[in-house]
Amino acid sequence: EGREEGEDKLGRLVALLIANGRTGDVQRAAADKVSRNSLYEEFNIV
């Protein structure tokens, strides 16, 4: 996955987390790859 694709995925994830009031998970996603991948799966971001 290229850099731009990765940035797009993270941007979508952050927007969804904020929209769902899960601001604490935004920091977790930014800091921890395992948590981030789990959140991608939860929100069906491929």
C-alpha atoms as a PDB file:
ATOM      1  CA  GLU A   1       0.000   0.000   0.000  1.00  0.00           C
ATOM      2  CA  GLY A   2       1.398   3.369  -0.990  1.00  0.00           C
ATOM      3  CA  ARG A   3       1.834   6.365   1.213  1.00  0.00           C
ATOM      4  CA  GLU A   4      -1.128   8.252  -0.275  1.00  0.00           C
ATOM      5  CA  GLU A   5      -3.420   5.228   0.134  1.00  0.00           C
ATOM      6  CA  GLY A   6      -2.339   4.856   3.750  1.00  0.00           C
ATOM      7  CA  GLU A   7      -3.029   8.518   4.422  1.00  0.00           C
ATOM      8  CA  ASP A   8      -6.476   8.186   2.819  1.00  0.00           C
ATOM      9  CA  LYS A   9      -7.289   5.157   5.002  1.00  0.00           C
ATOM     10  CA  LEU A  10      -6.186   6.919   8.156  1.00  0.00           C
ATOM     11  CA  GLY A  11      -8.136  10.039   7.198  1.00  0.00           C
ATOM     12  CA  ARG A  12     -11.320   8.010   6.699  1.00  0.00           C
ATOM     13  CA  LEU A  13     -10.770   6.243  10.004  1.00  0.00           C
ATOM     14  CA  VAL A  14     -10.204   9.480  11.920  1.00  0.00           C
ATOM     15  CA  ALA A  15     -13.318  11.064  10.385  1.00  0.00           C
ATOM     16  CA  LEU A  16     -15.443   8.044  11.340  1.00  0.00           C
ATOM     17  CA  LEU A  17     -14.058   7.924  14.863  1.00  0.00           C
ATOM     18  CA  ILE A  18     -14.761  11.620  15.428  1.00  0.00           C
ATOM     19  CA  ALA A  19     -18.255  11.306  13.934  1.00  0.00           C
ATOM     20  CA  ASN A  20     -18.933   8.486  16.395  1.00  0.00           C
ATOM     21  CA  GLY A  21     -17.580  10.414  19.388  1.00  0.00           C
ATOM     22  CA  ARG A  22     -14.592   8.101  19.763  1.00  0.00           C
ATOM     23  CA  THR A  23     -11.891  10.721  20.057  1.00  0.00           C
ATOM     24  CA  GLY A  24      -9.855   8.560  22.431  1.00  0.00           C
ATOM     25  CA  ASP A  25      -9.531   5.971  19.698  1.00  0.00           C
ATOM     26  CA  VAL A  26      -8.074   8.601  17.351  1.00  0.00           C
ATOM     27  CA  GLN A  27      -4.988   8.867  19.542  1.00  0.00           C
ATOM     28  CA  ARG A  28      -4.820   5.086  19.909  1.00  0.00           C
ATOM     29  CA  ALA A  29      -5.002   4.645  16.120  1.00  0.00           C
ATOM     30  CA  ALA A  30      -2.227   7.171  15.592  1.00  0.00           C
ATOM     31  CA  ALA A  31       0.092   5.601  18.152  1.00  0.00           C
ATOM     32  CA  ASP A  32      -0.468   1.855  17.788  1.00  0.00           C
ATOM     33  CA  LYS A  33      -0.423  -0.094  14.516  1.00  0.00           C
ATOM     34  CA  VAL A  34      -2.242  -3.125  15.961  1.00  0.00           C
ATOM     35  CA  SER A  35      -5.056  -0.943  17.321  1.00  0.00           C
ATOM     36  CA  ARG A  36      -5.226   0.963  14.041  1.00  0.00           C
ATOM     37  CA  ASN A  37      -5.578  -2.243  12.026  1.00  0.00           C
ATOM     38  CA  SER A  38      -8.275  -3.468  14.404  1.00  0.00           C
ATOM     39  CA  LEU A  39     -10.186  -0.217  13.928  1.00  0.00           C
ATOM     40  CA  TYR A  40      -9.812  -0.492  10.133  1.00  0.00           C
ATOM     41  CA  GLU A  41     -11.480  -3.901  10.362  1.00  0.00           C
ATOM     42  CA  GLU A  42     -14.213  -2.637  12.693  1.00  0.00           C
ATOM     43  CA  PHE A  43     -15.127   0.161  10.277  1.00  0.00           C
ATOM     44  CA  ASN A  44     -14.642  -1.993   7.149  1.00  0.00           C
ATOM     45  CA  ILE A  45     -11.861   0.196   5.798  1.00  0.00           C
ATOM     46  CA  VAL A  46      -9.838  -1.920   3.406  1.00  0.00           C
END
